[in-house]
Amino acid sequence: MEIERKEGIARTKIVGHNKKLLIWIIILLVVLIALVIIIKNLPETNINNKENNTQDNRSGSQLANPASVYCEQNSGKLEIRTDSQGNQYGE
């Protein structure tokens, strides 16, 4: 880095690889700030929380079986049966 003196004021002159380094640091800071903004705006979800998953199942929010939906859309009849062990299956 060179120091240039002009009328009593000391200024630094950025040359060569130092200018490229400064540009990379600025780019990195911009990317980090963008990531922080994106992460702060993401909705809070916790997939691995067992308590949260059990509450979802108790509230009745379950996905339909695609095969059952297709069957009903094509004039089929869906019957849900429960075996002796409490397992459910469709026919």
N, C-alpha and C. Protein backbone atom coordinates (compact mmCIF):
# COMPACT_ATOMS: atom_id res chain seq x y z
N MET A 1 0.84 -1.15 0.00
CA MET A 1 0.00 0.00 0.00
C MET A 1 0.90 1.22 0.00
N GLU A 2 0.56 2.14 -0.86
CA GLU A 2 1.34 3.37 -0.95
C GLU A 2 0.60 4.50 -0.25
N ILE A 3 1.35 5.38 0.40
CA ILE A 3 0.75 6.55 1.03
C ILE A 3 1.12 7.76 0.19
N GLU A 4 0.12 8.53 -0.17
CA GLU A 4 0.32 9.68 -1.03
C GLU A 4 0.02 10.93 -0.21
N ARG A 5 0.94 11.86 -0.22
CA ARG A 5 0.74 13.11 0.52
C ARG A 5 0.45 14.23 -0.46
N LYS A 6 -0.64 14.96 -0.17
CA LYS A 6 -1.01 16.06 -1.05
C LYS A 6 -1.58 17.17 -0.18
N GLU A 7 -0.93 18.31 -0.18
CA GLU A 7 -1.33 19.48 0.58
C GLU A 7 -1.58 19.15 2.05
N GLY A 8 -0.71 18.38 2.65
CA GLY A 8 -0.77 18.10 4.07
C GLY A 8 -1.77 17.01 4.47
N ILE A 9 -2.48 16.43 3.52
CA ILE A 9 -3.46 15.39 3.84
C ILE A 9 -2.88 14.05 3.38
N ALA A 10 -2.84 13.09 4.29
CA ALA A 10 -2.33 11.76 3.95
C ALA A 10 -3.49 10.91 3.44
N ARG A 11 -3.33 10.33 2.25
CA ARG A 11 -4.34 9.44 1.70
C ARG A 11 -3.67 8.12 1.34
N THR A 12 -4.40 7.05 1.49
CA THR A 12 -3.84 5.75 1.09
C THR A 12 -4.31 5.43 -0.31
N LYS A 13 -3.45 4.87 -1.07
CA LYS A 13 -3.74 4.50 -2.44
C LYS A 13 -3.75 2.97 -2.51
N ILE A 14 -4.87 2.41 -2.89
CA ILE A 14 -4.99 0.96 -2.98
C ILE A 14 -4.55 0.53 -4.37
N VAL A 15 -3.61 -0.40 -4.42
CA VAL A 15 -3.09 -0.84 -5.70
C VAL A 15 -3.12 -2.36 -5.78
N GLY A 16 -3.19 -2.86 -7.04
CA GLY A 16 -3.02 -4.28 -7.32
C GLY A 16 -3.97 -5.20 -6.59
N HIS A 17 -3.41 -6.20 -5.92
CA HIS A 17 -4.19 -7.26 -5.29
C HIS A 17 -5.00 -6.76 -4.09
N ASN A 18 -4.58 -5.66 -3.48
CA ASN A 18 -5.34 -5.11 -2.35
C ASN A 18 -6.72 -4.63 -2.80
N LYS A 19 -6.82 -4.09 -4.01
CA LYS A 19 -8.11 -3.65 -4.53
C LYS A 19 -9.02 -4.84 -4.77
N LYS A 20 -8.47 -5.93 -5.30
CA LYS A 20 -9.26 -7.14 -5.52
C LYS A 20 -9.73 -7.73 -4.20
N LEU A 21 -8.89 -7.71 -3.20
CA LEU A 21 -9.25 -8.22 -1.88
C LEU A 21 -10.39 -7.40 -1.28
N LEU A 22 -10.31 -6.10 -1.43
CA LEU A 22 -11.35 -5.22 -0.92
C LEU A 22 -12.68 -5.51 -1.61
N ILE A 23 -12.64 -5.72 -2.90
CA ILE A 23 -13.86 -6.03 -3.66
C ILE A 23 -14.46 -7.35 -3.16
N TRP A 24 -13.64 -8.36 -2.95
CA TRP A 24 -14.12 -9.66 -2.45
C TRP A 24 -14.71 -9.53 -1.05
N ILE A 25 -14.12 -8.72 -0.22
CA ILE A 25 -14.65 -8.52 1.14
C ILE A 25 -16.02 -7.84 1.07
N ILE A 26 -16.16 -6.86 0.20
CA ILE A 26 -17.44 -6.17 0.05
C ILE A 26 -18.50 -7.14 -0.47
N ILE A 27 -18.15 -7.95 -1.46
CA ILE A 27 -19.10 -8.95 -1.99
C ILE A 27 -19.52 -9.92 -0.90
N LEU A 28 -18.56 -10.39 -0.11
CA LEU A 28 -18.85 -11.32 0.97
C LEU A 28 -19.80 -10.69 2.00
N LEU A 29 -19.56 -9.44 2.36
CA LEU A 29 -20.43 -8.76 3.31
C LEU A 29 -21.85 -8.60 2.76
N VAL A 30 -21.98 -8.27 1.50
CA VAL A 30 -23.30 -8.13 0.88
C VAL A 30 -24.04 -9.47 0.91
N VAL A 31 -23.33 -10.55 0.57
CA VAL A 31 -23.95 -11.88 0.57
C VAL A 31 -24.36 -12.27 1.99
N LEU A 32 -23.52 -12.03 2.97
CA LEU A 32 -23.86 -12.37 4.35
C LEU A 32 -25.07 -11.58 4.84
N ILE A 33 -25.13 -10.31 4.51
CA ILE A 33 -26.28 -9.50 4.91
C ILE A 33 -27.55 -10.02 4.25
N ALA A 34 -27.46 -10.39 2.98
CA ALA A 34 -28.63 -10.94 2.27
C ALA A 34 -29.08 -12.25 2.92
N LEU A 35 -28.14 -13.12 3.29
CA LEU A 35 -28.50 -14.38 3.95
C LEU A 35 -29.18 -14.14 5.29
N VAL A 36 -28.69 -13.19 6.05
CA VAL A 36 -29.30 -12.88 7.35
C VAL A 36 -30.73 -12.40 7.15
N ILE A 37 -30.95 -11.55 6.16
CA ILE A 37 -32.30 -11.05 5.89
C ILE A 37 -33.22 -12.19 5.46
N ILE A 38 -32.74 -13.08 4.60
CA ILE A 38 -33.55 -14.21 4.14
C ILE A 38 -33.88 -15.14 5.30
N ILE A 39 -32.90 -15.46 6.14
CA ILE A 39 -33.12 -16.38 7.26
C ILE A 39 -34.10 -15.78 8.27
N LYS A 40 -34.01 -14.48 8.51
CA LYS A 40 -34.92 -13.85 9.46
C LYS A 40 -36.35 -13.86 8.96
N ASN A 41 -36.56 -13.90 7.64
CA ASN A 41 -37.90 -13.88 7.08
C ASN A 41 -38.48 -15.26 6.81
N LEU A 42 -37.73 -16.33 7.09
CA LEU A 42 -38.25 -17.68 6.89
C LEU A 42 -39.26 -18.01 7.98
N PRO A 43 -40.31 -18.76 7.62
CA PRO A 43 -41.26 -19.17 8.66
C PRO A 43 -40.60 -20.18 9.60
N GLU A 44 -41.01 -20.14 10.85
CA GLU A 44 -40.43 -21.06 11.82
C GLU A 44 -41.12 -22.42 11.72
N THR A 45 -40.36 -23.45 11.40
CA THR A 45 -40.88 -24.81 11.36
C THR A 45 -39.91 -25.72 12.07
N ASN A 46 -40.45 -26.73 12.72
CA ASN A 46 -39.62 -27.70 13.41
C ASN A 46 -40.13 -29.09 13.06
N ILE A 47 -39.51 -29.71 12.07
CA ILE A 47 -39.96 -31.01 11.57
C ILE A 47 -39.68 -32.12 12.57
N ASN A 48 -38.59 -32.04 13.30
CA ASN A 48 -38.18 -33.12 14.18
C ASN A 48 -38.81 -33.07 15.56
N ASN A 49 -39.68 -32.13 15.82
CA ASN A 49 -40.30 -32.00 17.12
C ASN A 49 -41.42 -33.03 17.24
N LYS A 50 -41.23 -34.07 18.07
CA LYS A 50 -42.21 -35.14 18.21
C LYS A 50 -43.52 -34.63 18.77
N GLU A 51 -43.45 -33.70 19.73
CA GLU A 51 -44.67 -33.17 20.34
C GLU A 51 -45.50 -32.44 19.28
N ASN A 52 -44.86 -31.69 18.43
CA ASN A 52 -45.55 -30.95 17.38
C ASN A 52 -46.21 -31.92 16.39
N ASN A 53 -45.51 -32.99 16.03
CA ASN A 53 -46.05 -33.96 15.09
C ASN A 53 -47.27 -34.68 15.67
N THR A 54 -47.25 -34.97 16.97
CA THR A 54 -48.38 -35.67 17.60
C THR A 54 -49.59 -34.76 17.63
N GLN A 55 -49.37 -33.48 17.87
CA GLN A 55 -50.50 -32.56 17.87
C GLN A 55 -51.14 -32.50 16.49
N ASP A 56 -50.33 -32.52 15.44
CA ASP A 56 -50.89 -32.50 14.09
C ASP A 56 -51.75 -33.72 13.84
N ASN A 57 -51.30 -34.90 14.29
CA ASN A 57 -52.06 -36.12 14.07
C ASN A 57 -53.35 -36.11 14.87
N ARG A 58 -53.33 -35.56 16.09
CA ARG A 58 -54.53 -35.51 16.91
C ARG A 58 -55.56 -34.54 16.35
N SER A 59 -55.10 -33.49 15.68
CA SER A 59 -56.05 -32.52 15.15
C SER A 59 -56.70 -33.00 13.86
N GLY A 60 -56.28 -34.13 13.34
CA GLY A 60 -56.91 -34.71 12.16
C GLY A 60 -56.34 -34.22 10.85
N SER A 61 -55.24 -33.50 10.86
CA SER A 61 -54.67 -33.01 9.61
C SER A 61 -53.72 -34.06 9.05
N GLN A 62 -54.24 -34.89 8.17
CA GLN A 62 -53.44 -35.95 7.56
C GLN A 62 -53.60 -35.87 6.05
N LEU A 63 -52.61 -36.33 5.33
CA LEU A 63 -52.67 -36.34 3.87
C LEU A 63 -53.44 -37.57 3.39
N ALA A 64 -54.18 -37.38 2.33
CA ALA A 64 -54.93 -38.50 1.76
C ALA A 64 -53.99 -39.40 0.97
N ASN A 65 -54.32 -40.67 0.93
CA ASN A 65 -53.57 -41.64 0.13
C ASN A 65 -53.88 -41.36 -1.34
N PRO A 66 -52.86 -41.08 -2.15
CA PRO A 66 -53.11 -40.78 -3.57
C PRO A 66 -53.85 -41.89 -4.31
N ALA A 67 -53.59 -43.15 -3.95
CA ALA A 67 -54.28 -44.27 -4.61
C ALA A 67 -55.76 -44.25 -4.26
N SER A 68 -56.09 -43.91 -3.02
CA SER A 68 -57.49 -43.85 -2.60
C SER A 68 -58.21 -42.71 -3.30
N VAL A 69 -57.56 -41.58 -3.42
CA VAL A 69 -58.16 -40.43 -4.10
C VAL A 69 -58.42 -40.77 -5.56
N TYR A 70 -57.45 -41.41 -6.21
CA TYR A 70 -57.61 -41.80 -7.62
C TYR A 70 -58.78 -42.78 -7.78
N CYS A 71 -58.87 -43.72 -6.84
CA CYS A 71 -59.94 -44.72 -6.89
C CYS A 71 -61.30 -44.05 -6.81
N GLU A 72 -61.46 -43.13 -5.86
CA GLU A 72 -62.74 -42.45 -5.69
C GLU A 72 -63.07 -41.54 -6.87
N GLN A 73 -62.05 -40.92 -7.47
CA GLN A 73 -62.28 -40.05 -8.62
C GLN A 73 -62.71 -40.84 -9.85
N ASN A 74 -62.41 -42.12 -9.89
CA ASN A 74 -62.76 -42.97 -11.03
C ASN A 74 -63.87 -43.95 -10.67
N SER A 75 -64.84 -43.47 -9.91
CA SER A 75 -66.05 -44.20 -9.55
C SER A 75 -65.79 -45.45 -8.71
N GLY A 76 -64.69 -45.49 -8.03
CA GLY A 76 -64.41 -46.63 -7.14
C GLY A 76 -65.00 -46.38 -5.76
N LYS A 77 -65.03 -47.44 -4.96
CA LYS A 77 -65.55 -47.33 -3.61
C LYS A 77 -64.41 -47.63 -2.64
N LEU A 78 -64.23 -46.78 -1.66
CA LEU A 78 -63.14 -46.94 -0.71
C LEU A 78 -63.72 -47.35 0.63
N GLU A 79 -63.21 -48.44 1.17
CA GLU A 79 -63.62 -48.90 2.50
C GLU A 79 -62.38 -49.00 3.37
N ILE A 80 -62.41 -48.32 4.50
CA ILE A 80 -61.30 -48.37 5.45
C ILE A 80 -61.65 -49.44 6.48
N ARG A 81 -60.77 -50.41 6.64
CA ARG A 81 -60.99 -51.49 7.60
C ARG A 81 -59.89 -51.50 8.64
N THR A 82 -60.22 -52.05 9.78
CA THR A 82 -59.26 -52.14 10.89
C THR A 82 -59.09 -53.61 11.24
N ASP A 83 -57.82 -54.06 11.28
CA ASP A 83 -57.58 -55.47 11.64
C ASP A 83 -57.57 -55.64 13.15
N SER A 84 -57.32 -56.87 13.60
CA SER A 84 -57.38 -57.18 15.05
C SER A 84 -56.32 -56.45 15.84
N GLN A 85 -55.24 -56.01 15.20
CA GLN A 85 -54.15 -55.32 15.91
C GLN A 85 -54.31 -53.80 15.90
N GLY A 86 -55.38 -53.32 15.28
CA GLY A 86 -55.65 -51.88 15.26
C GLY A 86 -55.10 -51.17 14.03
N ASN A 87 -54.50 -51.91 13.11
CA ASN A 87 -53.98 -51.31 11.88
C ASN A 87 -55.11 -51.09 10.90
N GLN A 88 -55.06 -49.94 10.19
CA GLN A 88 -56.10 -49.64 9.22
C GLN A 88 -55.57 -49.83 7.81
N TYR A 89 -56.46 -50.25 6.93
CA TYR A 89 -56.11 -50.42 5.52
C TYR A 89 -57.36 -50.19 4.68
N GLY A 90 -57.16 -49.86 3.43
CA GLY A 90 -58.28 -49.58 2.55
C GLY A 90 -58.47 -50.69 1.53
N GLU A 91 -59.75 -50.91 1.18
CA GLU A 91 -60.08 -51.89 0.13
C GLU A 91 -60.99 -51.27 -0.87
